[in-house]
Amino acid sequence: MSAELICVIVLGLMFVIGTWRDINMGLLGFIAAAGVGGLVLHQMPEEFLAGFPVDLFLTLVGLTYLFGFAQNNGAIEVIVRWCVKLVGGRIGLMPWIFFALTAVLISLGALFAVAIIAPLALSFARRHGINQFMVGLLVVHGALAGAFSPISVYGIFINDYLTKNGLTPAPLTLFLAPFIFNTVFAVVVWFVLRRRPGLRAEADGAHPHPGSESDGGTTIRLTRSQIPTLIGLIAMALSVIIFSWDVGLVTITISVVLAAIDPAAGKAALSKVSWSIVILICGVLTYIAVLQEAGTVEWVSAGISAIGVPLLAALLLFYMSGLISALASSLAIIGVVIALAVPFLESGDVHVGGFVAALAIAATIVDISPFSTNGAMLLANVHPSIRDRYYRQMIGYAGLMCLIGPGLAWVVAAVPTVISG
């Protein structure tokens, strides 16, 4: 059996075992890198671990550490209340505020923006009798709309990977295509569901509560811990966007300053670091480097090219990405597919920017699935009395996205290719 085929079989086993037994696929990636690299390619540890992405590791740790402060001390809730006051307490606009907040947070590096905003959004919807399924969908689509900004975890991961493989990234296309795509879907969801009563929690009846902070009439007072955190978030955004400083080093530096100001808060925030995501990405990329050394990437790409119709090959990749992503990590499948498609992209048969943007859409538009990270975080915040019905609605919507999402995303890849051709 060839080394290339062994690598593909091991990759498939990683997805199956990781999904079936709920094991972090990054851990499996490290084991696979050692097994394939050491036993099949006869590499030394320093060789099969050479693909460990040190810079991306720092970025992931720094971003999730910094937002751990904001999540723990209520700085995120302060931002929500500011937004409520900004719209003058108009309840009907709040689903879009939650959409925008989730988009902004994830675009700045808050990887678990859905986990931060979902409990606020769903409790608000329960109190005011707003369709909770509609609000939940807007939160997830907001996260997907902002997920691929140049300073987000997703955006940094993809753009850096393309650059390291000699391809020219298109960060603006990668950001705008998913943003527009998900905004359109959110508008459709809002028009279809906004006047429907939706699911009501038995515990509170979802009756509107007059008064309260949601009407924009309360005074917002910042605590001693929230002020430096908010300043830190602003400093992070400005330093990265305006001065192009390394986001990993910037966020770690700001986090250390905040920890020096309040050591107890620093320890609590460190527990919020998304170690599972850090391990997932670093482990998968470490194994991908072994795949490249084994020649598997070129081997698979040759098979894709053999289809003869580049855009048809892209369509098949998008549907594969969407279906697998509905059951596993979007980041993992994006990393694998881009790695396999690198020689395919180098051939010039498809537009690199359009292909990558379309892949980003196809692999994430299904994230409302309760088996995906965002979907699971949303379902976890639904009131127990309606969770079963909410789950069934999520399954239905995820199935619809699996059916039409990759096909619509394919248009994003096809249009620039046809125009440039």
Protein backbone atom coordinates (compact mmCIF):
# COMPACT_ATOMS: atom_id res chain seq x y z
CA MET A 1 0.00 0.00 0.00
CA SER A 2 1.40 3.39 -0.99
CA ALA A 3 2.25 6.06 1.56
CA GLU A 4 -0.27 8.41 -0.11
CA LEU A 5 -3.14 5.96 0.31
CA ILE A 6 -2.18 5.24 3.92
CA CYS A 7 -2.29 8.98 4.66
CA VAL A 8 -5.79 9.30 3.18
CA ILE A 9 -7.07 6.26 5.10
CA VAL A 10 -5.64 7.65 8.35
CA LEU A 11 -7.26 11.02 7.62
CA GLY A 12 -10.62 9.33 7.10
CA LEU A 13 -10.20 7.39 10.35
CA MET A 14 -9.48 10.66 12.15
CA PHE A 15 -12.86 12.06 11.05
CA VAL A 16 -14.74 8.84 11.83
CA ILE A 17 -13.20 8.27 15.26
CA GLY A 18 -13.33 11.94 16.20
CA THR A 19 -17.04 12.19 15.33
CA TRP A 20 -18.09 8.75 16.57
CA ARG A 21 -16.30 8.87 19.93
CA ASP A 22 -16.32 12.66 20.35
CA ILE A 23 -12.51 12.87 20.52
CA ASN A 24 -10.74 16.10 19.64
CA MET A 25 -9.45 15.58 16.11
CA GLY A 26 -6.36 17.63 16.87
CA LEU A 27 -5.22 15.00 19.35
CA LEU A 28 -5.80 12.38 16.69
CA GLY A 29 -3.80 14.57 14.31
CA PHE A 30 -0.75 14.52 16.58
CA ILE A 31 -0.99 10.74 16.89
CA ALA A 32 -1.45 10.39 13.12
CA ALA A 33 1.54 12.66 12.46
CA ALA A 34 3.71 10.53 14.73
CA GLY A 35 2.38 7.24 13.35
CA VAL A 36 2.54 8.07 9.66
CA GLY A 37 5.61 10.28 9.93
CA GLY A 38 7.57 7.90 12.12
CA LEU A 39 6.47 4.49 10.84
CA VAL A 40 5.68 5.15 7.18
CA LEU A 41 7.97 8.06 6.26
CA HIS A 42 10.69 7.16 8.83
CA GLN A 43 10.85 10.71 10.15
CA MET A 44 12.33 11.79 13.46
CA PRO A 45 10.06 13.60 15.99
CA GLU A 46 11.51 17.00 15.09
CA GLU A 47 10.55 16.29 11.46
CA PHE A 48 6.96 15.08 11.86
CA LEU A 49 6.29 17.84 14.41
CA ALA A 50 7.83 20.55 12.22
CA GLY A 51 4.40 21.50 10.91
CA PHE A 52 3.17 22.65 14.34
CA PRO A 53 1.94 26.25 13.72
CA VAL A 54 3.63 28.23 16.50
CA ASP A 55 2.39 31.64 15.29
CA LEU A 56 -1.20 30.44 15.01
CA PHE A 57 -0.94 28.85 18.46
CA LEU A 58 -0.01 32.24 19.95
CA THR A 59 -2.87 33.93 18.10
CA LEU A 60 -5.50 31.45 19.29
CA VAL A 61 -4.31 31.55 22.89
CA GLY A 62 -4.07 35.34 22.93
CA LEU A 63 -7.48 35.98 21.42
CA THR A 64 -9.39 33.55 23.61
CA TYR A 65 -7.46 34.68 26.72
CA LEU A 66 -8.33 38.34 26.13
CA PHE A 67 -12.00 37.63 25.52
CA GLY A 68 -12.02 35.50 28.65
CA PHE A 69 -11.66 38.73 30.66
CA ALA A 70 -14.56 40.33 28.78
CA GLN A 71 -16.76 37.28 29.25
CA ASN A 72 -16.04 36.90 32.96
CA ASN A 73 -16.39 40.51 34.09
CA GLY A 74 -19.53 41.31 32.09
CA ALA A 75 -17.92 43.67 29.58
CA ILE A 76 -19.80 41.91 26.77
CA GLU A 77 -23.13 42.47 28.57
CA VAL A 78 -22.22 46.16 28.87
CA ILE A 79 -21.76 46.33 25.11
CA VAL A 80 -25.19 44.69 24.67
CA ARG A 81 -26.85 47.26 26.96
CA TRP A 82 -25.14 50.08 25.07
CA CYS A 83 -26.63 48.70 21.89
CA VAL A 84 -30.08 48.54 23.46
CA LYS A 85 -29.80 52.21 24.37
CA LEU A 86 -28.48 52.98 20.89
CA VAL A 87 -31.74 51.75 19.32
CA GLY A 88 -33.82 53.53 21.93
CA GLY A 89 -35.15 50.32 23.41
CA ARG A 90 -36.95 49.35 20.18
CA ILE A 91 -37.46 45.63 20.76
CA GLY A 92 -38.02 44.78 17.08
CA LEU A 93 -34.48 45.87 16.19
CA MET A 94 -32.78 43.77 18.86
CA PRO A 95 -32.46 40.55 16.77
CA TRP A 96 -30.33 42.59 14.34
CA ILE A 97 -28.33 44.02 17.23
CA PHE A 98 -27.53 40.47 18.32
CA PHE A 99 -26.65 39.60 14.72
CA ALA A 100 -24.28 42.57 14.51
CA LEU A 101 -22.74 41.97 17.94
CA THR A 102 -21.96 38.34 17.17
CA ALA A 103 -20.47 39.34 13.81
CA VAL A 104 -18.28 42.05 15.34
CA LEU A 105 -17.09 39.90 18.24
CA ILE A 106 -16.07 36.94 16.09
CA SER A 107 -14.50 39.25 13.49
CA LEU A 108 -12.27 40.64 16.26
CA GLY A 109 -11.23 37.18 17.43
CA ALA A 110 -13.91 36.05 19.89
CA LEU A 111 -14.07 32.51 18.55
CA PHE A 112 -16.98 31.54 20.78
CA ALA A 113 -19.06 34.63 20.04
CA VAL A 114 -22.19 32.45 19.79
CA ALA A 115 -21.58 31.14 23.31
CA ILE A 116 -21.25 34.74 24.55
CA ILE A 117 -24.28 36.23 22.77
CA ALA A 118 -26.70 33.26 22.60
CA PRO A 119 -27.71 33.27 26.30
CA LEU A 120 -28.29 37.03 26.17
CA ALA A 121 -30.23 36.87 22.91
CA LEU A 122 -32.44 33.90 23.79
CA SER A 123 -33.30 35.19 27.26
CA PHE A 124 -34.19 38.55 25.69
CA ALA A 125 -36.40 36.79 23.13
CA ARG A 126 -38.16 34.80 25.89
CA ARG A 127 -38.87 37.92 27.94
CA HIS A 128 -40.34 39.80 24.98
CA GLY A 129 -42.20 37.07 23.11
CA ILE A 130 -39.90 37.18 20.08
CA ASN A 131 -39.52 34.07 17.93
CA GLN A 132 -36.61 32.31 19.64
CA PHE A 133 -35.72 30.17 16.63
CA MET A 134 -35.45 33.28 14.46
CA VAL A 135 -33.24 35.01 17.02
CA GLY A 136 -31.03 31.93 17.34
CA LEU A 137 -30.59 31.73 13.57
CA LEU A 138 -29.63 35.41 13.39
CA VAL A 139 -27.01 34.88 16.12
CA VAL A 140 -25.42 31.98 14.21
CA HIS A 141 -25.62 33.74 10.84
CA GLY A 142 -24.06 36.79 12.50
CA ALA A 143 -21.16 34.65 13.65
CA LEU A 144 -20.72 33.20 10.17
CA ALA A 145 -20.99 36.67 8.61
CA GLY A 146 -18.02 38.00 10.60
CA ALA A 147 -16.04 34.77 10.92
CA PHE A 148 -13.62 35.40 8.06
CA SER A 149 -12.37 38.92 8.76
CA PRO A 150 -8.61 39.41 8.27
CA ILE A 151 -8.07 39.47 12.07
CA SER A 152 -10.42 36.63 13.02
CA VAL A 153 -9.23 33.14 13.85
CA TYR A 154 -10.73 31.73 10.65
CA GLY A 155 -9.38 34.54 8.47
CA ILE A 156 -5.85 34.43 9.88
CA PHE A 157 -5.76 30.65 9.58
CA ILE A 158 -6.79 30.59 5.90
CA ASN A 159 -4.81 33.61 4.70
CA ASP A 160 -1.63 32.48 6.45
CA TYR A 161 -1.98 28.98 5.05
CA LEU A 162 -2.39 30.24 1.50
CA THR A 163 0.60 32.56 1.86
CA LYS A 164 2.83 29.80 3.21
CA ASN A 165 1.90 27.63 0.24
CA GLY A 166 2.80 30.25 -2.34
CA LEU A 167 -0.78 31.29 -3.16
CA THR A 168 -1.99 34.88 -3.06
CA PRO A 169 -4.75 35.29 -0.48
CA ALA A 170 -7.72 37.56 -1.11
CA PRO A 171 -8.64 38.64 2.45
CA LEU A 172 -11.29 41.13 1.35
CA THR A 173 -13.07 38.55 -0.83
CA LEU A 174 -12.79 35.95 1.93
CA PHE A 175 -14.41 38.35 4.38
CA LEU A 176 -17.07 39.98 2.18
CA ALA A 177 -18.42 36.88 0.40
CA PRO A 178 -19.48 35.01 3.60
CA PHE A 179 -20.62 38.32 5.12
CA ILE A 180 -22.97 39.12 2.25
CA PHE A 181 -24.08 35.51 1.91
CA ASN A 182 -25.04 35.17 5.58
CA THR A 183 -26.60 38.62 5.75
CA VAL A 184 -28.92 37.69 2.88
CA PHE A 185 -29.86 34.44 4.62
CA ALA A 186 -30.49 36.33 7.86
CA VAL A 187 -32.79 38.79 6.06
CA VAL A 188 -34.78 35.90 4.57
CA VAL A 189 -35.04 34.20 7.98
CA TRP A 190 -36.18 37.46 9.57
CA PHE A 191 -38.88 38.09 6.96
CA VAL A 192 -40.21 34.52 7.15
CA LEU A 193 -40.18 34.07 10.93
CA ARG A 194 -40.44 37.51 12.51
CA ARG A 195 -44.26 37.55 12.76
CA ARG A 196 -44.58 33.94 13.84
CA PRO A 197 -44.95 33.35 17.59
CA GLY A 198 -42.26 30.69 17.58
CA LEU A 199 -41.46 28.47 20.55
CA ARG A 200 -42.49 29.59 24.01
CA ALA A 201 -40.82 28.43 27.20
CA GLU A 202 -43.34 27.05 29.68
CA ALA A 203 -41.44 28.45 32.61
CA ASP A 204 -41.90 32.10 31.72
CA GLY A 205 -44.60 32.10 29.07
CA ALA A 206 -42.50 34.44 26.94
CA HIS A 207 -44.71 37.38 27.93
CA PRO A 208 -43.25 40.80 27.29
CA HIS A 209 -41.90 42.49 30.42
CA PRO A 210 -42.42 46.25 30.39
CA GLY A 211 -39.68 48.44 31.77
CA SER A 212 -36.40 46.70 32.63
CA GLU A 213 -33.03 47.34 31.08
CA SER A 214 -34.27 46.28 27.65
CA ASP A 215 -36.17 49.51 27.13
CA GLY A 216 -32.98 51.53 27.04
CA GLY A 217 -33.96 53.53 30.10
CA THR A 218 -31.43 52.23 32.60
CA THR A 219 -28.13 53.81 33.52
CA ILE A 220 -25.09 51.75 32.58
CA ARG A 221 -22.34 51.87 35.19
CA LEU A 222 -18.98 50.31 34.45
CA THR A 223 -17.20 48.34 37.14
CA ARG A 224 -13.54 48.73 37.98
CA SER A 225 -12.66 45.55 36.07
CA GLN A 226 -14.71 46.36 32.96
CA ILE A 227 -13.02 49.67 32.15
CA PRO A 228 -9.49 48.32 31.47
CA THR A 229 -10.98 45.34 29.59
CA LEU A 230 -12.95 47.60 27.24
CA ILE A 231 -9.86 49.78 26.74
CA GLY A 232 -7.86 46.63 25.97
CA LEU A 233 -10.37 45.47 23.34
CA ILE A 234 -10.28 48.87 21.65
CA ALA A 235 -6.47 48.92 21.75
CA MET A 236 -6.33 45.45 20.24
CA ALA A 237 -8.61 46.37 17.35
CA LEU A 238 -6.74 49.61 16.59
CA SER A 239 -3.25 48.12 16.81
CA VAL A 240 -4.09 45.23 14.50
CA ILE A 241 -6.28 47.08 11.99
CA ILE A 242 -4.33 50.34 11.76
CA PHE A 243 -0.75 49.33 12.58
CA SER A 244 -0.88 45.69 11.39
CA TRP A 245 0.78 44.41 14.54
CA ASP A 246 0.81 40.67 15.19
CA VAL A 247 -2.58 39.85 16.71
CA GLY A 248 -1.20 37.01 18.83
CA LEU A 249 1.50 39.05 20.53
CA VAL A 250 -0.82 42.05 20.90
CA THR A 251 -3.61 40.09 22.60
CA ILE A 252 -1.20 38.20 24.88
CA THR A 253 0.45 41.49 25.89
CA ILE A 254 -2.89 43.16 26.65
CA SER A 255 -4.04 40.06 28.56
CA VAL A 256 -0.89 40.05 30.68
CA VAL A 257 -1.42 43.73 31.51
CA LEU A 258 -5.00 42.98 32.56
CA ALA A 259 -3.80 40.01 34.62
CA ALA A 260 -1.21 42.24 36.33
CA ILE A 261 -3.98 44.68 37.24
CA ASP A 262 -6.17 41.88 38.64
CA PRO A 263 -4.33 38.55 39.14
CA ALA A 264 -7.49 36.70 40.20
CA ALA A 265 -9.26 37.79 37.01
CA GLY A 266 -6.20 36.70 35.03
CA LYS A 267 -6.39 33.17 36.40
CA ALA A 268 -10.13 33.00 35.71
CA ALA A 269 -9.66 34.31 32.15
CA LEU A 270 -6.92 31.77 31.46
CA SER A 271 -9.47 29.02 32.10
CA LYS A 272 -11.50 30.48 29.22
CA VAL A 273 -8.75 29.87 26.68
CA SER A 274 -10.27 27.62 24.03
CA TRP A 275 -7.75 24.83 24.44
CA SER A 276 -9.95 22.38 22.53
CA ILE A 277 -9.90 24.65 19.46
CA VAL A 278 -6.18 25.35 19.87
CA ILE A 279 -5.47 21.60 19.95
CA LEU A 280 -7.86 20.94 17.06
CA ILE A 281 -6.24 23.43 14.69
CA CYS A 282 -2.63 22.78 15.68
CA GLY A 283 -3.04 19.00 15.57
CA VAL A 284 -4.76 18.97 12.19
CA LEU A 285 -2.19 21.33 10.66
CA THR A 286 0.65 19.23 12.06
CA TYR A 287 -0.76 16.17 10.30
CA ILE A 288 -1.41 18.13 7.10
CA ALA A 289 2.30 18.97 7.01
CA VAL A 290 3.03 15.23 7.13
CA LEU A 291 0.52 14.70 4.30
CA GLN A 292 2.42 17.20 2.22
CA GLU A 293 5.74 15.53 2.93
CA ALA A 294 4.27 12.18 1.84
CA GLY A 295 3.09 13.65 -1.47
CA THR A 296 -0.55 12.96 -0.62
CA VAL A 297 -1.64 16.48 -1.47
CA GLU A 298 -0.35 16.24 -5.03
CA TRP A 299 -1.74 12.72 -5.36
CA VAL A 300 -5.28 13.72 -4.34
CA SER A 301 -5.11 16.89 -6.40
CA ALA A 302 -4.23 14.84 -9.47
CA GLY A 303 -7.35 12.78 -8.85
CA ILE A 304 -9.45 15.93 -8.60
CA SER A 305 -7.96 17.32 -11.78
CA ALA A 306 -8.69 14.03 -13.54
CA ILE A 307 -12.40 14.85 -13.37
CA GLY A 308 -11.62 17.16 -16.28
CA VAL A 309 -14.09 19.91 -15.36
CA PRO A 310 -12.53 22.12 -12.65
CA LEU A 311 -15.78 23.76 -11.56
CA LEU A 312 -17.49 20.37 -11.25
CA ALA A 313 -14.60 19.19 -9.06
CA ALA A 314 -15.02 22.30 -6.93
CA LEU A 315 -18.76 21.64 -6.55
CA LEU A 316 -18.09 18.10 -5.32
CA LEU A 317 -15.54 19.41 -2.82
CA PHE A 318 -18.01 22.00 -1.52
CA TYR A 319 -20.78 19.45 -0.94
CA MET A 320 -18.32 17.10 0.74
CA SER A 321 -17.17 19.96 2.98
CA GLY A 322 -20.72 20.95 3.92
CA LEU A 323 -21.87 17.43 4.76
CA ILE A 324 -18.83 16.60 6.87
CA SER A 325 -18.81 20.02 8.54
CA ALA A 326 -22.41 19.50 9.71
CA LEU A 327 -21.10 16.64 11.85
CA ALA A 328 -17.59 17.83 12.67
CA SER A 329 -15.41 20.93 12.95
CA SER A 330 -15.68 23.51 10.18
CA LEU A 331 -12.11 24.67 10.76
CA ALA A 332 -10.82 21.12 10.47
CA ILE A 333 -12.57 20.40 7.17
CA ILE A 334 -11.58 23.80 5.71
CA GLY A 335 -7.94 23.14 6.58
CA VAL A 336 -8.00 19.68 5.04
CA VAL A 337 -9.80 20.69 1.83
CA ILE A 338 -7.56 23.72 1.24
CA ALA A 339 -4.50 21.52 1.76
CA LEU A 340 -5.79 18.97 -0.73
CA ALA A 341 -6.75 21.69 -3.20
CA VAL A 342 -3.44 23.62 -3.16
CA PRO A 343 -1.96 22.01 -6.32
CA PHE A 344 -5.42 22.18 -7.89
CA LEU A 345 -5.47 25.94 -7.16
CA GLU A 346 -1.91 26.42 -8.40
CA SER A 347 -2.97 25.14 -11.81
CA GLY A 348 -5.02 28.28 -12.34
CA ASP A 349 -8.12 26.33 -13.40
CA VAL A 350 -10.22 28.11 -10.78
CA HIS A 351 -10.00 31.55 -9.17
CA VAL A 352 -8.17 31.17 -5.84
CA GLY A 353 -10.04 33.94 -4.02
CA GLY A 354 -13.44 32.79 -5.25
CA PHE A 355 -12.72 29.13 -4.50
CA VAL A 356 -11.53 29.78 -0.95
CA ALA A 357 -14.41 32.16 -0.19
CA ALA A 358 -16.91 29.63 -1.53
CA LEU A 359 -15.30 26.85 0.49
CA ALA A 360 -15.58 29.01 3.60
CA ILE A 361 -19.30 29.47 2.93
CA ALA A 362 -19.97 25.81 2.09
CA ALA A 363 -18.18 24.51 5.19
CA THR A 364 -19.83 26.93 7.64
CA ILE A 365 -23.35 27.61 6.35
CA VAL A 366 -24.39 24.28 7.91
CA ASP A 367 -23.20 25.38 11.38
CA ILE A 368 -26.78 25.63 12.65
CA SER A 369 -26.58 21.84 12.93
CA PRO A 370 -26.83 20.78 16.61
CA PHE A 371 -23.82 18.54 15.97
CA SER A 372 -21.58 21.48 15.04
CA THR A 373 -19.92 23.77 17.59
CA ASN A 374 -22.11 26.83 16.98
CA GLY A 375 -25.31 24.81 16.81
CA ALA A 376 -24.47 22.93 20.00
CA MET A 377 -23.73 26.19 21.86
CA LEU A 378 -27.05 27.62 20.68
CA LEU A 379 -29.05 24.55 21.69
CA ALA A 380 -27.37 24.50 25.10
CA ASN A 381 -28.91 27.90 25.89
CA VAL A 382 -32.46 26.99 24.86
CA HIS A 383 -34.96 26.55 27.71
CA PRO A 384 -35.36 22.81 28.54
CA SER A 385 -39.13 22.94 28.03
CA ILE A 386 -38.74 23.69 24.30
CA ARG A 387 -35.35 22.11 23.61
CA ASP A 388 -36.70 19.02 21.81
CA ARG A 389 -38.81 21.08 19.42
CA TYR A 390 -35.97 23.55 18.93
CA TYR A 391 -33.66 20.63 18.13
CA ARG A 392 -36.03 19.35 15.44
CA GLN A 393 -36.24 22.79 13.85
CA MET A 394 -32.45 23.06 13.86
CA ILE A 395 -32.17 19.67 12.15
CA GLY A 396 -34.62 20.79 9.47
CA TYR A 397 -32.82 24.07 8.82
CA ALA A 398 -29.40 22.37 8.80
CA GLY A 399 -30.69 19.84 6.27
CA LEU A 400 -31.90 22.67 4.04
CA MET A 401 -28.49 24.37 4.30
CA CYS A 402 -26.70 21.11 3.41
CA LEU A 403 -28.93 20.84 0.35
CA ILE A 404 -28.71 24.36 -1.04
CA GLY A 405 -25.77 26.05 0.74
CA PRO A 406 -22.79 24.45 -1.06
CA GLY A 407 -24.54 24.82 -4.41
CA LEU A 408 -25.14 28.53 -3.87
CA ALA A 409 -21.59 28.93 -2.56
CA TRP A 410 -20.34 27.32 -5.76
CA VAL A 411 -21.65 30.35 -7.65
CA VAL A 412 -19.19 32.46 -5.66
CA ALA A 413 -16.35 30.30 -7.00
CA ALA A 414 -17.76 29.98 -10.52
CA VAL A 415 -18.42 33.63 -11.33
CA PRO A 416 -14.84 35.00 -11.02
CA THR A 417 -13.48 31.93 -12.78
CA VAL A 418 -15.83 32.39 -15.75
CA ILE A 419 -15.10 36.12 -15.90
CA SER A 420 -11.34 35.68 -15.75
CA GLY A 421 -11.55 32.84 -18.28
